[in-house]
N, C-alpha and C. Protein backbone atom coordinates (compact mmCIF):
# COMPACT_ATOMS: atom_id res chain seq x y z
N MET A 1 118.32 133.21 86.64
CA MET A 1 118.42 132.94 87.96
C MET A 1 119.70 132.02 88.37
N LYS A 2 120.33 132.32 89.20
CA LYS A 2 121.43 131.41 89.61
C LYS A 2 121.08 130.65 90.81
N TYR A 3 121.51 129.27 90.49
CA TYR A 3 120.78 128.55 91.86
C TYR A 3 122.22 127.93 93.04
N SER A 4 121.88 127.78 94.10
CA SER A 4 122.87 127.40 94.68
C SER A 4 122.76 125.76 94.48
N GLN A 5 124.06 125.22 94.31
CA GLN A 5 124.20 123.63 94.17
C GLN A 5 124.72 123.11 95.22
N TYR A 6 124.34 121.90 95.54
CA TYR A 6 125.00 121.06 96.65
C TYR A 6 125.29 119.50 96.09
N LYS A 7 125.95 118.88 96.87
CA LYS A 7 126.31 117.67 96.56
C LYS A 7 126.30 116.56 98.05
N PHE A 8 125.50 115.86 98.01
CA PHE A 8 125.19 114.94 99.15
C PHE A 8 125.81 113.65 98.96
N LYS A 9 126.07 112.43 99.77
CA LYS A 9 127.00 111.33 99.79
C LYS A 9 125.96 110.49 100.93
N PHE A 10 125.35 109.50 100.59
CA PHE A 10 124.78 108.54 101.54
C PHE A 10 125.24 106.89 101.35
N TYR A 11 125.39 106.25 102.29
CA TYR A 11 125.64 104.98 101.99
C TYR A 11 124.66 104.19 102.86
N LEU A 12 124.53 102.95 102.11
CA LEU A 12 123.50 102.03 102.29
C LEU A 12 123.77 100.74 102.27
N ASN A 13 123.65 100.22 103.41
CA ASN A 13 124.14 98.29 103.50
C ASN A 13 123.34 97.73 103.38
N ALA A 14 123.20 97.10 102.05
CA ALA A 14 122.01 95.75 101.89
C ALA A 14 122.49 94.92 100.98
N SER A 15 121.65 94.03 100.87
CA SER A 15 121.99 92.85 100.34
C SER A 15 121.12 92.65 99.38
N HIS A 16 121.19 92.18 98.17
CA HIS A 16 120.15 91.76 97.28
C HIS A 16 120.24 90.56 96.31
N ALA A 17 119.68 90.21 95.42
CA ALA A 17 119.43 89.28 94.66
C ALA A 17 118.96 89.54 93.35
N ILE A 18 119.38 89.64 92.20
CA ILE A 18 118.78 89.70 90.85
C ILE A 18 118.35 88.57 90.15
N TYR A 19 117.37 88.79 89.32
CA TYR A 19 117.05 87.84 88.50
C TYR A 19 117.74 88.15 87.29
N ILE A 20 118.38 86.96 86.70
CA ILE A 20 118.64 86.92 85.16
C ILE A 20 118.41 85.66 84.55
N ASN A 21 117.65 86.14 83.27
CA ASN A 21 116.88 85.05 82.57
C ASN A 21 115.69 84.16 83.23
N GLY A 22 115.18 85.21 84.22
CA GLY A 22 114.05 84.73 84.88
C GLY A 22 114.57 83.57 86.09
N ASN A 23 115.89 83.41 86.46
CA ASN A 23 116.19 82.91 87.42
C ASN A 23 117.09 83.88 88.49
N LEU A 24 116.91 83.49 89.67
CA LEU A 24 116.98 84.22 91.18
C LEU A 24 118.51 83.89 91.31
N GLY A 25 119.36 84.96 91.37
CA GLY A 25 120.70 84.73 91.58
C GLY A 25 121.22 84.85 93.06
N GLN A 26 122.06 84.38 93.47
CA GLN A 26 122.44 84.49 94.87
C GLN A 26 122.54 85.90 95.51
N SER A 27 121.95 85.83 97.11
CA SER A 27 121.97 87.04 97.40
C SER A 27 123.40 87.07 98.22
N HIS A 28 123.87 88.53 97.79
CA HIS A 28 125.02 88.83 98.00
C HIS A 28 124.98 90.66 98.79
N PRO A 29 125.67 91.00 99.35
CA PRO A 29 125.97 92.24 100.16
C PRO A 29 126.63 93.51 99.16
N HIS A 30 126.19 94.62 99.66
CA HIS A 30 126.85 95.97 99.00
C HIS A 30 126.96 96.95 100.21
N THR A 31 127.51 97.84 99.95
CA THR A 31 127.64 99.17 100.51
C THR A 31 127.28 99.92 99.40
N TRP A 32 126.04 100.39 99.16
CA TRP A 32 125.59 101.18 97.91
C TRP A 32 126.03 102.95 98.57
N GLU A 33 126.72 103.30 97.71
CA GLU A 33 126.92 104.83 98.16
C GLU A 33 126.11 105.51 96.82
N ILE A 34 124.97 106.53 97.41
CA ILE A 34 124.27 107.23 96.62
C ILE A 34 124.77 108.57 96.77
N MET A 35 125.01 109.24 95.50
CA MET A 35 125.53 110.60 95.66
C MET A 35 124.39 111.66 94.65
N ILE A 36 123.85 112.52 95.28
CA ILE A 36 123.18 113.20 94.49
C ILE A 36 123.80 114.61 94.53
N ASP A 37 123.54 115.09 92.78
CA ASP A 37 123.76 116.82 93.05
C ASP A 37 122.39 117.37 92.92
N THR A 38 122.09 118.75 93.72
CA THR A 38 120.84 119.27 94.16
C THR A 38 121.19 120.97 93.56
N ILE A 39 119.97 121.58 93.45
CA ILE A 39 119.90 123.00 93.53
C ILE A 39 118.66 123.42 94.45
N LYS A 40 119.22 124.40 95.10
CA LYS A 40 118.38 125.02 95.95
C LYS A 40 117.48 126.01 95.35
N LEU A 41 116.31 125.84 94.88
CA LEU A 41 115.44 126.88 93.98
C LEU A 41 114.74 128.07 94.84
N ASN A 42 114.73 128.26 95.99
CA ASN A 42 114.47 129.30 96.86
C ASN A 42 115.68 129.72 97.98
N ASP A 43 115.37 131.14 98.30
CA ASP A 43 116.36 131.73 99.22
C ASP A 43 115.81 131.58 100.46
N ARG A 44 115.00 130.25 100.91
CA ARG A 44 114.73 130.09 102.20
C ARG A 44 115.39 129.19 102.73
N PHE A 45 115.93 129.28 104.03
CA PHE A 45 116.95 128.99 105.12
C PHE A 45 116.70 127.66 105.20
N ILE A 46 117.06 126.59 105.14
CA ILE A 46 117.28 125.02 105.41
C ILE A 46 118.29 124.45 105.86
N GLN A 47 118.41 124.03 106.82
CA GLN A 47 119.86 123.56 107.29
C GLN A 47 119.89 122.16 106.42
N PHE A 48 121.30 121.75 106.46
CA PHE A 48 121.68 120.66 105.54
C PHE A 48 121.21 119.50 106.30
N HIS A 49 121.23 119.21 107.72
CA HIS A 49 120.75 118.41 108.38
C HIS A 49 119.44 117.97 107.94
N GLU A 50 118.48 118.88 107.70
CA GLU A 50 116.95 118.44 107.12
C GLU A 50 116.77 117.90 105.91
N VAL A 51 117.84 118.32 104.60
CA VAL A 51 117.79 117.42 103.72
C VAL A 51 118.13 115.86 104.40
N GLU A 52 119.36 116.17 104.56
CA GLU A 52 119.85 114.81 104.91
C GLU A 52 118.86 113.70 106.02
N ARG A 53 118.57 114.23 106.76
CA ARG A 53 117.60 113.37 107.79
C ARG A 53 116.44 113.09 106.93
N ARG A 54 116.02 113.89 106.05
CA ARG A 54 114.72 113.37 105.11
C ARG A 54 114.94 111.80 104.42
N ILE A 55 116.51 112.03 103.62
CA ILE A 55 116.99 111.00 103.22
C ILE A 55 117.17 109.69 103.65
N GLU A 56 118.10 109.92 104.76
CA GLU A 56 118.44 109.09 105.57
C GLU A 56 117.04 108.19 106.04
N GLN A 57 116.24 108.84 106.62
CA GLN A 57 114.74 108.03 106.86
C GLN A 57 114.26 107.30 105.82
N LEU A 58 114.41 107.95 104.44
CA LEU A 58 114.04 106.73 103.12
C LEU A 58 115.03 105.71 103.29
N LEU A 59 116.16 105.88 103.38
CA LEU A 59 117.02 104.66 103.24
C LEU A 59 117.00 103.86 104.58
N HIS A 60 116.61 104.47 105.52
CA HIS A 60 116.55 103.44 106.72
C HIS A 60 115.70 102.23 106.49
N LYS A 61 114.71 102.45 105.92
CA LYS A 61 113.89 101.52 105.44
C LYS A 61 114.72 100.04 104.80
N TYR A 62 115.81 100.13 103.98
CA TYR A 62 116.62 99.07 103.54
C TYR A 62 118.03 99.15 104.16
N GLN A 63 118.39 99.96 104.98
CA GLN A 63 119.34 99.58 105.72
C GLN A 63 119.61 98.08 106.39
N ASP A 64 120.91 97.45 106.09
CA ASP A 64 121.10 96.19 106.72
C ASP A 64 119.80 95.11 106.58
N LYS A 65 119.49 95.06 105.59
CA LYS A 65 117.83 94.37 104.77
C LYS A 65 118.96 93.61 103.55
N TYR A 66 117.88 92.70 103.48
CA TYR A 66 117.57 92.04 102.21
C TYR A 66 116.65 92.67 101.58
N ILE A 67 116.97 93.50 100.34
CA ILE A 67 116.00 94.46 99.76
C ILE A 67 115.04 93.70 99.09
N ASN A 68 115.36 92.48 98.38
CA ASN A 68 114.22 91.69 97.72
C ASN A 68 112.67 91.69 98.30
N GLU A 69 113.04 91.80 99.61
CA GLU A 69 111.87 91.31 100.42
C GLU A 69 111.21 92.66 100.95
N ILE A 70 111.59 93.84 99.88
CA ILE A 70 110.88 95.23 100.70
C ILE A 70 110.31 95.59 99.35
N GLU A 71 109.38 96.42 99.54
CA GLU A 71 108.82 97.02 98.23
C GLU A 71 109.66 98.40 97.89
N PRO A 72 109.77 98.67 96.63
CA PRO A 72 109.35 98.07 95.64
C PRO A 72 109.73 96.77 95.06
N PHE A 73 110.95 96.37 95.56
CA PHE A 73 111.96 95.54 95.19
C PHE A 73 111.38 93.81 95.14
N SER A 74 110.52 93.92 95.99
CA SER A 74 109.54 92.42 96.38
C SER A 74 108.92 92.31 94.84
N SER A 75 108.72 93.20 93.87
CA SER A 75 108.01 92.86 92.63
C SER A 75 108.79 93.48 91.54
N LEU A 76 109.96 94.05 91.94
CA LEU A 76 110.76 94.91 90.94
C LEU A 76 112.21 94.24 91.10
N ASN A 77 112.90 93.77 90.01
CA ASN A 77 114.39 93.28 89.93
C ASN A 77 115.28 94.19 90.52
N PRO A 78 115.84 94.02 91.78
CA PRO A 78 116.94 95.05 92.05
C PRO A 78 117.81 95.07 91.75
N THR A 79 117.78 95.60 90.34
CA THR A 79 119.11 95.70 89.55
C THR A 79 119.75 97.39 89.97
N LEU A 80 121.01 97.37 89.85
CA LEU A 80 121.19 98.37 89.89
C LEU A 80 120.64 99.36 89.29
N GLU A 81 120.48 99.57 88.13
CA GLU A 81 119.60 100.52 87.41
C GLU A 81 118.23 100.70 88.17
N ASN A 82 117.53 99.82 88.21
CA ASN A 82 116.32 99.86 88.93
C ASN A 82 116.28 100.29 90.61
N ILE A 83 117.55 100.09 91.18
CA ILE A 83 117.71 100.81 92.35
C ILE A 83 117.85 102.22 92.29
N CYS A 84 118.65 102.85 91.57
CA CYS A 84 118.99 104.22 91.13
C CYS A 84 117.58 105.06 90.88
N GLU A 85 117.09 104.23 89.89
CA GLU A 85 115.70 105.04 89.44
C GLU A 85 114.58 105.07 90.57
N PHE A 86 114.41 104.07 91.35
CA PHE A 86 113.60 104.12 92.54
C PHE A 86 114.01 105.52 93.39
N PHE A 87 115.43 105.02 93.70
CA PHE A 87 115.82 106.50 94.72
C PHE A 87 115.63 107.66 93.98
N LYS A 88 116.14 107.60 92.72
CA LYS A 88 115.87 109.00 92.11
C LYS A 88 114.26 109.64 92.66
N ASN A 89 113.44 108.71 91.66
CA ASN A 89 111.98 109.27 92.21
C ASN A 89 111.82 109.58 93.57
N SER A 90 112.18 108.93 94.38
CA SER A 90 111.97 109.02 95.91
C SER A 90 112.30 110.34 96.53
N ILE A 91 113.82 110.42 96.29
CA ILE A 91 114.57 111.38 96.64
C ILE A 91 114.26 112.71 95.97
N ARG A 92 113.86 112.49 94.81
CA ARG A 92 113.32 113.79 94.08
C ARG A 92 112.21 114.43 94.63
N LYS A 93 111.21 113.49 95.12
CA LYS A 93 109.90 114.11 95.80
C LYS A 93 110.35 114.51 96.87
N LEU A 94 111.17 114.11 97.74
CA LEU A 94 111.51 114.69 99.06
C LEU A 94 112.46 116.07 99.29
N LEU A 95 112.81 116.17 97.99
CA LEU A 95 113.77 117.45 97.70
C LEU A 95 113.00 118.70 97.36
N LYS A 96 111.98 118.17 96.49
CA LYS A 96 110.82 119.17 96.44
C LYS A 96 109.90 119.74 97.27
N GLU A 97 109.91 118.94 98.37
CA GLU A 97 109.05 119.25 99.33
C GLU A 97 109.48 120.31 99.99
N VAL A 98 111.02 120.52 100.14
CA VAL A 98 111.57 121.61 100.67
C VAL A 98 112.44 122.49 99.96
N GLY A 99 111.80 122.78 98.70
CA GLY A 99 112.14 123.43 97.85
C GLY A 99 113.39 123.54 96.86
N TRP A 100 114.11 122.39 96.81
CA TRP A 100 115.35 121.76 96.21
C TRP A 100 114.77 120.86 94.76
N GLU A 101 115.75 121.03 94.25
CA GLU A 101 115.44 119.79 92.82
C GLU A 101 116.82 119.02 92.88
N LEU A 102 116.54 117.57 92.27
CA LEU A 102 117.67 117.09 91.91
C LEU A 102 117.86 117.16 90.77
N ILE A 103 119.20 117.12 90.59
CA ILE A 103 119.67 117.02 88.94
C ILE A 103 120.62 116.24 88.71
N LYS A 104 121.00 115.20 89.52
CA LYS A 104 121.83 113.87 88.96
C LYS A 104 121.94 113.19 90.52
N ILE A 105 121.90 111.80 90.13
CA ILE A 105 122.10 110.92 90.94
C ILE A 105 122.67 109.78 90.60
N GLU A 106 123.96 109.33 91.07
CA GLU A 106 124.73 108.53 90.76
C GLU A 106 124.68 107.38 92.01
N THR A 107 124.43 106.11 91.47
CA THR A 107 124.43 104.91 92.86
C THR A 107 125.49 103.91 92.38
N SER A 108 126.35 103.49 93.23
CA SER A 108 127.32 102.94 93.02
C SER A 108 127.09 101.42 93.99
N GLU A 109 127.24 100.17 93.30
CA GLU A 109 127.14 98.97 94.17
C GLU A 109 128.35 98.61 94.39
N THR A 110 129.57 98.91 94.03
CA THR A 110 131.45 98.81 94.34
C THR A 110 131.63 100.16 94.15
N PRO A 111 132.66 100.34 94.60
CA PRO A 111 133.51 101.58 94.09
C PRO A 111 133.96 101.47 92.32
N ALA A 112 134.01 100.42 91.90
CA ALA A 112 134.13 100.39 90.33
C ALA A 112 132.80 100.62 89.44
N ARG A 113 131.88 100.39 89.99
CA ARG A 113 130.55 100.70 89.34
C ARG A 113 129.40 101.10 89.81
N SER A 114 129.01 101.79 88.83
CA SER A 114 128.28 102.71 89.39
C SER A 114 126.84 103.07 88.03
N TYR A 115 125.84 103.42 88.59
CA TYR A 115 125.03 103.85 87.25
C TYR A 115 124.71 105.18 87.65
N THR A 116 124.19 106.26 86.60
CA THR A 116 124.19 107.70 86.70
C THR A 116 122.68 107.88 85.72
N ILE A 117 121.94 108.51 86.55
CA ILE A 117 120.98 109.49 85.90
C ILE A 117 120.84 110.86 86.17
N ASP A 118 121.18 111.60 85.00
CA ASP A 118 121.50 113.29 84.61
C ASP A 118 119.63 113.77 84.19
N LEU A 119 119.43 114.55 85.11
CA LEU A 119 118.17 115.09 85.29
C LEU A 119 117.94 116.38 84.99
N MET A 120 119.29 117.42 84.29
CA MET A 120 119.46 118.13 83.63
C MET A 120 118.14 118.71 82.46
N ASP A 121 118.07 117.90 81.75
CA ASP A 121 117.28 117.95 80.46
C ASP A 121 115.76 118.17 80.87
N GLU A 122 115.53 117.16 81.48
CA GLU A 122 114.29 117.55 82.27
C GLU A 122 113.94 118.69 82.94
N ILE A 123 114.76 118.95 83.80
CA ILE A 123 114.53 120.59 85.01
C ILE A 123 114.27 121.55 83.84
N GLU A 124 115.33 121.35 82.54
CA GLU A 124 115.51 122.63 81.58
C GLU A 124 114.22 122.55 81.24
N LEU A 125 113.47 121.69 80.92
CA LEU A 125 112.34 121.40 80.21
C LEU A 125 111.25 121.71 80.98
N ASP A 126 111.25 121.53 82.28
CA ASP A 126 110.11 122.08 83.17
C ASP A 126 110.39 123.54 83.33
N VAL A 127 111.58 124.09 83.14
CA VAL A 127 111.84 125.57 83.35
C VAL A 127 110.84 126.61 82.33
N ARG A 128 111.38 125.61 81.06
CA ARG A 128 110.86 125.95 79.83
C ARG A 128 109.50 126.23 79.58
N LEU A 129 108.87 125.03 80.37
CA LEU A 129 107.46 125.31 80.38
C LEU A 129 106.84 126.28 81.35
N GLN A 130 107.45 126.31 82.40
CA GLN A 130 106.99 126.99 83.27
C GLN A 130 107.08 128.62 82.91
N GLU A 131 108.10 128.84 82.21
CA GLU A 131 108.33 130.36 81.62
C GLU A 131 107.30 130.52 80.19
N GLN A 132 106.81 129.45 79.59
CA GLN A 132 105.74 129.55 78.19
C GLN A 132 104.41 129.77 79.32
N GLU A 133 104.11 129.08 80.23
CA GLU A 133 102.87 129.37 80.87
C GLU A 133 102.75 130.67 81.66
N GLN A 134 103.97 131.25 82.16
CA GLN A 134 103.80 132.51 82.86
C GLN A 134 103.92 133.61 81.57
N ILE A 135 104.29 133.24 80.50
CA ILE A 135 104.27 134.26 79.49
C ILE A 135 102.59 134.56 78.84
N GLU A 136 102.30 133.19 78.83
CA GLU A 136 100.49 133.01 78.49
C GLU A 136 99.92 134.04 79.33
N ILE A 137 99.86 133.76 80.79
CA ILE A 137 99.40 134.41 81.83
C ILE A 137 99.33 136.04 81.66
N ASP A 138 100.42 136.01 81.76
CA ASP A 138 100.98 137.69 81.60
C ASP A 138 100.21 138.60 80.21
N ARG A 139 99.95 137.42 79.36
CA ARG A 139 98.98 137.85 78.02
C ARG A 139 97.95 138.21 78.26
N GLU A 140 97.20 137.19 79.13
CA GLU A 140 95.77 137.07 79.39
C GLU A 140 95.29 138.04 80.44
N VAL A 141 96.60 138.66 81.44
CA VAL A 141 96.34 139.60 82.43
C VAL A 141 96.31 140.57 81.49
N GLU A 142 97.20 140.99 80.76
CA GLU A 142 97.26 142.07 79.91
C GLU A 142 95.87 142.61 79.18
N LYS A 143 95.41 141.50 78.49
CA LYS A 143 94.04 141.56 77.73
C LYS A 143 92.96 142.13 78.83
N VAL A 144 92.85 141.59 80.12
CA VAL A 144 91.98 141.93 80.97
C VAL A 144 92.14 143.32 81.37
N ILE A 145 93.45 144.03 81.80
CA ILE A 145 94.01 145.28 82.21
C ILE A 145 93.47 145.88 80.83
N SER A 146 93.36 145.92 79.67
CA SER A 146 93.30 146.49 78.54
C SER A 146 91.96 146.78 78.40
N LYS A 147 91.05 145.79 78.64
CA LYS A 147 89.60 145.95 78.29
C LYS A 147 89.16 146.59 79.54
N MET A 148 89.71 146.61 80.71
CA MET A 148 89.18 147.59 82.00
C MET A 148 89.42 148.94 81.74
N LEU A 149 90.76 149.20 81.09
CA LEU A 149 91.11 150.31 80.73
C LEU A 149 90.21 151.04 79.60
N LYS A 150 89.66 150.51 78.61
CA LYS A 150 89.18 150.66 77.43
C LYS A 150 87.53 151.05 78.36
N LYS A 151 87.11 150.78 79.46
CA LYS A 151 86.22 150.96 80.19
C LYS A 151 85.94 152.38 80.86
N ILE A 152 86.75 152.57 81.29
CA ILE A 152 87.49 153.85 81.96
C ILE A 152 87.17 154.92 81.26
């Protein structure tokens, strides 16, 4: 099955300070760029602005803020990697609600520095597991039909 693929970019202006060796560094601002690659898993029509609106609502909580004071970063060190991981999980959930899948996220804190998480391996595993489950379901259905036909 061929899926439609789309790329979105979002920008978040926020400051943070990270803990290094147990010491909190100095607060500093970034214009974070969050790029996501997605696939649309169904043929249902959805306007792009619906996907964008959902993600922008998520990011709004952190916009123009010191993110160390906002969950989960009030208890999670807001490193580039942790921020990317958090947004990966949150955005993936939002996309699944409208029949889309996140396949890659790249979060940049500067134009020259970014962190990427590629989810294709996870997605391929999920698809294989779903296919295997369907094969098992089909086998059970065949057994039931076979038993019913023997009774006729």
